[in-house]
Amino acid sequence: MKKLLFVFTLLFLFSFGVYAQDFSYAEFEESFSDFADGVAASLPFNTTVGLNWSDAYIGQFPHFGVGLTLGVTTIPYSALDPVFDLVGADLGSNEYLEKIGAPIPAYTLDARLGGFILPFDVGFKIGFIPEAVKEKLPLNMDYLLVGADVRVPVLKGSGIIPKLAVGGGFNYLRGDILIEELVEGEVMDISDMLGNPPGTDLLTLSDPDVNFNWQANVIDLKAQASWKLLILRPNVGVGVAYGKSKAGGGLITDDIVYNKGSVESLKPYFEAAGVPFPTAEGILVSSEDVGGWSVRAFGGLGISLLILKIDLTGMYNFTSGSIGAAINARIQF
């Protein structure tokens, strides 16, 4: 079960083969800024996983359906690579990831209900990690994806004439990953952040944690056509989304040691260097709100076995070049 949950695949790799190394705050800030900006720009695409059912329109009440969607979209690998390089993560060969991007999985529980009186259907989706499952995961993670949409039929479809529907909705995404004890049992020298040569006036973080977080609010408009060919349901669609997103990350520790005095005495030096003073909240870097439009195409094939429906869907984001895929299984009447 937990392998099907939202897991930032690269970050599992990140927990192995990592060693402490010195870096300046400028390098730290640049690396996590690249991560924040790259992820924030890609989040609207990830929120569109779920509710892309093969039927462009399910019909009015009492038609309804409930199911599960598992999917994945990608973000540019260049957004993550600087962070891995910064802390010395050994990821081996990255040619495949550099070509298709780094995967961000997503999952939702989906439901659709046919409209009353007027012809429309409405959909709801939610994905989260239950507390009982969080305790069994190898990383401290939090994940929430919720969304809703309304679709209105334009064509009812018959024979080679497809069902055609247009609609719109809203999606909200929030995620957080904490990798504990980046350098277990050791310390990380951050003296360079203040411009000090390593090995002189040492300022260290003991067993630092790494945090990644992201959030997105997205308005999504889409049009979809579908055909009924015996038990098959081929479908194609286009979507346009506008999102406001932000992401960030950094180092977190509650054990900061200065070998020549109190850490508090270094506050003026942090201010002079333009470096946030490290606290229990950490040394964090966040993107500003990243807003913008994205245009995508999606389509796939559904299989209808009486009330059991299974869909395979592919997606392509024209704006960023990202790709995505999803599988949905549901009971639909």
Protein backbone atom coordinates (compact mmCIF):
# COMPACT_ATOMS: atom_id res chain seq x y z
CA MET A 1 0.00 0.00 0.00
CA LYS A 2 2.64 2.50 1.01
CA LYS A 3 4.46 1.98 -2.31
CA LEU A 4 1.38 3.40 -4.01
CA LEU A 5 1.39 6.53 -1.88
CA PHE A 6 2.72 9.89 -2.93
CA VAL A 7 6.49 9.44 -2.86
CA PHE A 8 9.05 11.80 -4.26
CA THR A 9 11.07 8.97 -5.84
CA LEU A 10 14.35 10.80 -6.02
CA LEU A 11 14.24 11.60 -2.34
CA PHE A 12 14.36 7.93 -1.45
CA LEU A 13 17.68 7.87 -3.25
CA PHE A 14 18.63 11.06 -1.45
CA SER A 15 18.66 9.25 1.89
CA PHE A 16 21.63 7.09 0.81
CA GLY A 17 25.23 7.90 -0.02
CA VAL A 18 25.11 11.45 1.37
CA TYR A 19 28.10 13.07 3.05
CA ALA A 20 28.80 16.42 4.67
CA GLN A 21 30.62 19.07 2.69
CA ASP A 22 31.25 22.79 2.95
CA PHE A 23 29.29 25.29 0.91
CA SER A 24 28.63 29.00 0.96
CA TYR A 25 25.23 30.46 1.67
CA ALA A 26 25.16 31.77 -1.91
CA GLU A 27 25.52 28.19 -3.17
CA PHE A 28 22.93 26.97 -0.68
CA GLU A 29 20.46 29.70 -1.60
CA GLU A 30 20.96 29.25 -5.34
CA SER A 31 20.49 25.46 -5.17
CA PHE A 32 17.29 25.56 -3.15
CA SER A 33 15.99 28.53 -5.16
CA ASP A 34 16.40 26.47 -8.34
CA PHE A 35 14.46 23.67 -6.66
CA ALA A 36 11.74 26.03 -5.42
CA ASP A 37 11.24 27.80 -8.74
CA GLY A 38 11.38 24.61 -10.82
CA VAL A 39 8.95 22.70 -8.65
CA ALA A 40 6.55 25.63 -8.22
CA ALA A 41 6.27 26.09 -11.98
CA SER A 42 5.45 22.38 -12.44
CA LEU A 43 2.89 21.96 -9.65
CA PRO A 44 -0.26 22.94 -11.63
CA PHE A 45 0.35 20.00 -13.98
CA ASN A 46 0.60 17.57 -11.06
CA THR A 47 -2.72 18.74 -9.60
CA THR A 48 -4.56 17.62 -12.78
CA VAL A 49 -4.06 13.93 -11.91
CA GLY A 50 -7.46 12.48 -11.07
CA LEU A 51 -10.99 12.90 -12.52
CA ASN A 52 -9.76 12.39 -16.10
CA TRP A 53 -12.27 9.60 -16.68
CA SER A 54 -12.58 8.07 -20.15
CA ASP A 55 -16.26 9.02 -20.40
CA ALA A 56 -16.44 12.68 -21.37
CA TYR A 57 -19.85 12.79 -19.66
CA ILE A 58 -21.36 10.10 -17.40
CA GLY A 59 -25.01 11.24 -17.70
CA GLN A 60 -27.52 12.73 -15.28
CA PHE A 61 -28.50 11.30 -11.90
CA PRO A 62 -28.75 8.41 -10.97
CA HIS A 63 -25.46 7.91 -12.86
CA PHE A 64 -22.46 8.01 -10.51
CA GLY A 65 -19.06 6.41 -9.96
CA VAL A 66 -16.33 5.99 -7.32
CA GLY A 67 -12.73 4.89 -7.87
CA LEU A 68 -9.00 5.34 -7.34
CA THR A 69 -6.45 7.08 -9.57
CA LEU A 70 -2.68 6.54 -9.40
CA GLY A 71 -0.56 8.84 -11.52
CA VAL A 72 2.75 10.57 -12.00
CA THR A 73 3.95 13.76 -13.65
CA THR A 74 7.47 15.04 -14.12
CA ILE A 75 9.45 18.17 -13.30
CA PRO A 76 12.72 19.21 -14.95
CA TYR A 77 15.61 17.29 -13.41
CA SER A 78 17.60 20.54 -13.49
CA ALA A 79 15.43 21.78 -10.61
CA LEU A 80 16.68 19.01 -8.31
CA ASP A 81 20.22 18.38 -9.51
CA PRO A 82 21.79 21.46 -7.81
CA VAL A 83 20.44 20.39 -4.39
CA PHE A 84 21.82 16.88 -4.75
CA ASP A 85 25.17 18.23 -5.86
CA LEU A 86 25.24 20.65 -2.92
CA VAL A 87 25.05 17.96 -0.26
CA GLY A 88 26.89 15.30 -2.24
CA ALA A 89 24.07 12.86 -2.96
CA ASP A 90 25.28 9.91 -5.01
CA LEU A 91 22.55 9.21 -7.58
CA GLY A 92 24.65 7.31 -10.10
CA SER A 93 23.72 7.68 -13.76
CA ASN A 94 20.99 10.29 -14.33
CA GLU A 95 20.69 10.17 -18.13
CA TYR A 96 17.16 8.76 -17.98
CA LEU A 97 15.97 11.34 -15.44
CA GLU A 98 17.65 14.17 -17.32
CA LYS A 99 15.70 13.17 -20.43
CA ILE A 100 12.18 12.70 -19.04
CA GLY A 101 12.41 14.71 -15.81
CA ALA A 102 12.08 13.75 -12.16
CA PRO A 103 8.83 11.95 -11.26
CA ILE A 104 6.29 13.34 -8.80
CA PRO A 105 3.66 10.67 -8.09
CA ALA A 106 0.10 11.56 -7.11
CA TYR A 107 -2.99 9.61 -6.13
CA THR A 108 -6.65 10.45 -5.51
CA LEU A 109 -9.93 8.91 -4.54
CA ASP A 110 -12.34 10.03 -7.29
CA ALA A 111 -16.13 10.34 -7.35
CA ARG A 112 -18.55 11.64 -9.97
CA LEU A 113 -22.27 12.27 -9.73
CA GLY A 114 -24.68 13.03 -12.56
CA GLY A 115 -26.46 16.35 -12.31
CA PHE A 116 -30.06 16.96 -11.34
CA ILE A 117 -32.58 18.52 -13.77
CA LEU A 118 -29.91 20.15 -15.99
CA PRO A 119 -27.43 17.99 -17.95
CA PHE A 120 -24.06 18.08 -16.17
CA ASP A 121 -21.91 15.98 -13.90
CA VAL A 122 -19.78 17.01 -10.93
CA GLY A 123 -16.58 15.39 -9.72
CA PHE A 124 -14.65 15.37 -6.45
CA LYS A 125 -11.17 14.03 -5.64
CA ILE A 126 -8.99 13.80 -2.57
CA GLY A 127 -5.60 12.29 -1.83
CA PHE A 128 -3.83 12.21 1.54
CA ILE A 129 -1.60 10.01 3.69
CA PRO A 130 -3.36 8.53 6.74
CA GLU A 131 -1.52 8.91 10.05
CA ALA A 132 -1.20 5.14 10.46
CA VAL A 133 0.57 4.91 7.11
CA LYS A 134 2.83 7.91 7.76
CA GLU A 135 4.32 6.07 10.72
CA LYS A 136 5.47 3.22 8.44
CA LEU A 137 7.04 5.36 5.72
CA PRO A 138 10.84 5.69 5.54
CA LEU A 139 10.52 9.50 5.35
CA ASN A 140 8.46 12.03 7.28
CA MET A 141 5.92 13.05 4.66
CA ASP A 142 2.70 14.99 4.35
CA TYR A 143 0.53 15.17 1.25
CA LEU A 144 -2.88 16.58 0.39
CA LEU A 145 -4.55 16.95 -3.01
CA VAL A 146 -8.19 18.00 -3.23
CA GLY A 147 -10.19 19.14 -6.23
CA ALA A 148 -13.60 19.43 -7.82
CA ASP A 149 -14.94 20.05 -11.30
CA VAL A 150 -18.17 20.43 -13.25
CA ARG A 151 -18.66 19.19 -16.83
CA VAL A 152 -21.42 20.12 -19.27
CA PRO A 153 -22.15 17.98 -22.35
CA VAL A 154 -21.93 19.66 -25.75
CA LEU A 155 -22.57 16.53 -27.85
CA LYS A 156 -24.32 13.36 -26.61
CA GLY A 157 -22.47 11.21 -29.14
CA SER A 158 -23.59 8.33 -31.32
CA GLY A 159 -21.58 6.04 -33.56
CA ILE A 160 -18.51 7.86 -34.82
CA ILE A 161 -19.78 11.13 -33.33
CA PRO A 162 -18.13 11.46 -29.91
CA LYS A 163 -19.46 12.56 -26.61
CA LEU A 164 -18.08 16.04 -26.08
CA ALA A 165 -18.03 17.94 -22.80
CA VAL A 166 -16.47 21.12 -21.48
CA GLY A 167 -15.86 21.97 -17.87
CA GLY A 168 -13.83 23.64 -15.21
CA GLY A 169 -12.69 23.13 -11.66
CA PHE A 170 -10.31 23.97 -8.84
CA ASN A 171 -7.41 21.96 -7.36
CA TYR A 172 -5.35 22.45 -4.21
CA LEU A 173 -2.05 20.65 -3.55
CA ARG A 174 0.20 20.65 -0.47
CA GLY A 175 3.23 18.51 0.17
CA ASP A 176 6.13 18.26 2.61
CA ILE A 177 9.05 15.87 2.98
CA LEU A 178 11.53 15.84 5.86
CA ILE A 179 14.69 13.75 5.53
CA GLU A 180 16.00 13.27 9.05
CA GLU A 181 19.67 13.21 10.05
CA LEU A 182 21.23 13.96 6.69
CA VAL A 183 24.62 13.07 8.16
CA GLU A 184 23.71 10.70 10.98
CA GLY A 185 25.97 10.90 14.01
CA GLU A 186 28.14 13.65 12.50
CA VAL A 187 28.08 17.38 11.95
CA MET A 188 27.87 19.67 8.96
CA ASP A 189 30.26 22.60 8.86
CA ILE A 190 28.43 25.75 7.73
CA SER A 191 31.28 28.17 8.49
CA ASP A 192 31.55 29.01 4.80
CA MET A 193 28.08 30.49 4.97
CA LEU A 194 29.69 33.35 6.93
CA GLY A 195 32.77 33.47 4.72
CA ASN A 196 35.02 31.69 7.24
CA PRO A 197 37.58 29.18 5.97
CA PRO A 198 36.70 25.62 7.03
CA GLY A 199 38.63 24.43 10.09
CA THR A 200 39.02 27.81 11.83
CA ASP A 201 35.98 29.30 13.58
CA LEU A 202 33.70 26.32 13.15
CA LEU A 203 29.95 26.69 13.13
CA THR A 204 28.27 23.31 12.81
CA LEU A 205 24.83 21.78 12.49
CA SER A 206 24.54 18.44 14.28
CA ASP A 207 22.56 15.76 12.41
CA PRO A 208 20.84 18.28 10.13
CA ASP A 209 17.54 17.41 8.47
CA VAL A 210 16.57 18.42 4.93
CA ASN A 211 13.10 19.77 4.24
CA PHE A 212 11.24 20.13 0.93
CA ASN A 213 7.77 21.68 0.75
CA TRP A 214 5.35 22.89 -1.90
CA GLN A 215 1.83 24.27 -2.34
CA ALA A 216 -0.41 25.14 -5.30
CA ASN A 217 -3.86 26.61 -6.00
CA VAL A 218 -5.01 25.90 -9.55
CA ILE A 219 -8.01 26.79 -11.71
CA ASP A 220 -8.43 24.23 -14.50
CA LEU A 221 -10.50 24.40 -17.70
CA LYS A 222 -10.81 21.43 -20.04
CA ALA A 223 -12.64 19.93 -23.01
CA GLN A 224 -12.88 16.19 -23.67
CA ALA A 225 -14.23 13.89 -26.38
CA SER A 226 -14.87 10.16 -25.96
CA TRP A 227 -16.18 7.31 -28.11
CA LYS A 228 -17.95 4.03 -27.27
CA LEU A 229 -16.55 1.07 -29.22
CA LEU A 230 -17.97 -2.11 -27.69
CA ILE A 231 -16.08 -2.37 -24.35
CA LEU A 232 -13.49 0.25 -25.32
CA ARG A 233 -13.64 3.96 -24.50
CA PRO A 234 -10.96 5.92 -26.43
CA ASN A 235 -10.81 9.59 -25.46
CA VAL A 236 -8.84 12.78 -26.06
CA GLY A 237 -8.88 16.18 -24.41
CA VAL A 238 -7.16 19.50 -23.87
CA GLY A 239 -6.80 21.53 -20.70
CA VAL A 240 -5.75 25.02 -19.74
CA ALA A 241 -4.75 25.73 -16.14
CA TYR A 242 -3.80 28.86 -14.23
CA GLY A 243 -2.02 28.31 -10.95
CA LYS A 244 -0.40 30.13 -8.06
CA SER A 245 2.33 27.97 -6.56
CA LYS A 246 5.26 28.15 -4.20
CA ALA A 247 7.91 25.71 -3.04
CA GLY A 248 10.95 25.72 -0.82
CA GLY A 249 13.41 23.78 1.25
CA GLY A 250 16.51 23.92 3.36
CA LEU A 251 18.31 22.61 6.44
CA ILE A 252 16.67 22.09 9.82
CA THR A 253 18.42 21.37 13.13
CA ASP A 254 17.97 22.14 16.82
CA ASP A 255 21.63 21.55 17.65
CA ILE A 256 23.87 24.40 16.48
CA VAL A 257 27.40 24.58 17.88
CA TYR A 258 30.01 27.36 17.64
CA ASN A 259 33.41 26.23 18.89
CA LYS A 260 34.49 29.66 20.19
CA GLY A 261 31.45 30.91 22.02
CA SER A 262 27.69 31.17 21.95
CA VAL A 263 25.83 30.93 18.66
CA GLU A 264 23.89 34.05 19.64
CA SER A 265 27.15 36.05 19.46
CA LEU A 266 27.27 35.38 15.73
CA LYS A 267 23.98 37.11 14.92
CA PRO A 268 25.69 40.34 13.71
CA TYR A 269 27.88 38.29 11.38
CA PHE A 270 24.86 36.51 9.93
CA GLU A 271 23.16 39.85 9.37
CA ALA A 272 26.27 41.31 7.73
CA ALA A 273 26.54 38.28 5.42
CA GLY A 274 22.82 38.43 4.55
CA VAL A 275 22.31 34.91 5.90
CA PRO A 276 19.17 34.01 7.91
CA PHE A 277 20.13 33.10 11.46
CA PRO A 278 19.63 29.33 11.90
CA THR A 279 16.91 28.39 14.38
CA ALA A 280 14.78 25.33 15.06
CA GLU A 281 12.81 26.39 11.97
CA GLY A 282 16.00 25.95 9.97
CA ILE A 283 17.81 27.77 7.19
CA LEU A 284 15.11 27.75 4.56
CA VAL A 285 14.73 29.14 1.06
CA SER A 286 11.31 29.61 -0.57
CA SER A 287 10.12 30.77 -3.96
CA GLU A 288 7.81 33.71 -4.32
CA ASP A 289 4.32 32.90 -5.58
CA VAL A 290 4.82 31.56 -9.11
CA GLY A 291 1.79 32.25 -11.27
CA GLY A 292 1.18 31.34 -14.87
CA TRP A 293 -0.75 29.43 -17.49
CA SER A 294 -0.10 25.91 -18.70
CA VAL A 295 -1.63 24.07 -21.64
CA ARG A 296 -1.84 20.30 -21.79
CA ALA A 297 -3.21 17.49 -23.92
CA PHE A 298 -4.47 14.25 -22.45
CA GLY A 299 -6.03 11.08 -23.75
CA GLY A 300 -6.09 7.37 -23.43
CA LEU A 301 -8.18 4.23 -23.50
CA GLY A 302 -10.82 2.96 -21.14
CA ILE A 303 -12.18 -0.55 -20.74
CA SER A 304 -15.78 -1.05 -19.62
CA LEU A 305 -16.60 -4.40 -17.98
CA LEU A 306 -20.19 -3.93 -16.87
CA ILE A 307 -19.90 -1.63 -13.83
CA LEU A 308 -16.11 -1.95 -13.59
CA LYS A 309 -14.21 0.72 -15.55
CA ILE A 310 -10.44 0.82 -16.03
CA ASP A 311 -8.71 3.81 -17.70
CA LEU A 312 -5.17 4.39 -18.88
CA THR A 313 -4.35 8.05 -19.49
CA GLY A 314 -1.33 9.91 -20.83
CA MET A 315 -0.67 13.65 -20.50
CA TYR A 316 1.68 16.16 -22.09
CA ASN A 317 2.29 19.72 -20.89
CA PHE A 318 3.04 21.96 -23.88
CA THR A 319 4.19 24.79 -21.61
CA SER A 320 6.97 22.92 -19.78
CA GLY A 321 7.46 19.79 -21.88
CA SER A 322 6.57 17.64 -18.84
CA ILE A 323 4.80 14.32 -19.27
CA GLY A 324 2.39 12.37 -17.11
CA ALA A 325 0.48 9.11 -16.90
CA ALA A 326 -2.29 7.70 -14.74
CA ILE A 327 -4.40 4.62 -14.21
CA ASN A 328 -7.92 4.72 -12.81
CA ALA A 329 -10.14 1.89 -11.62
CA ARG A 330 -13.72 2.56 -10.51
CA ILE A 331 -17.21 1.29 -10.10
CA GLN A 332 -19.56 3.29 -12.32
CA PHE A 333 -23.32 3.03 -12.82
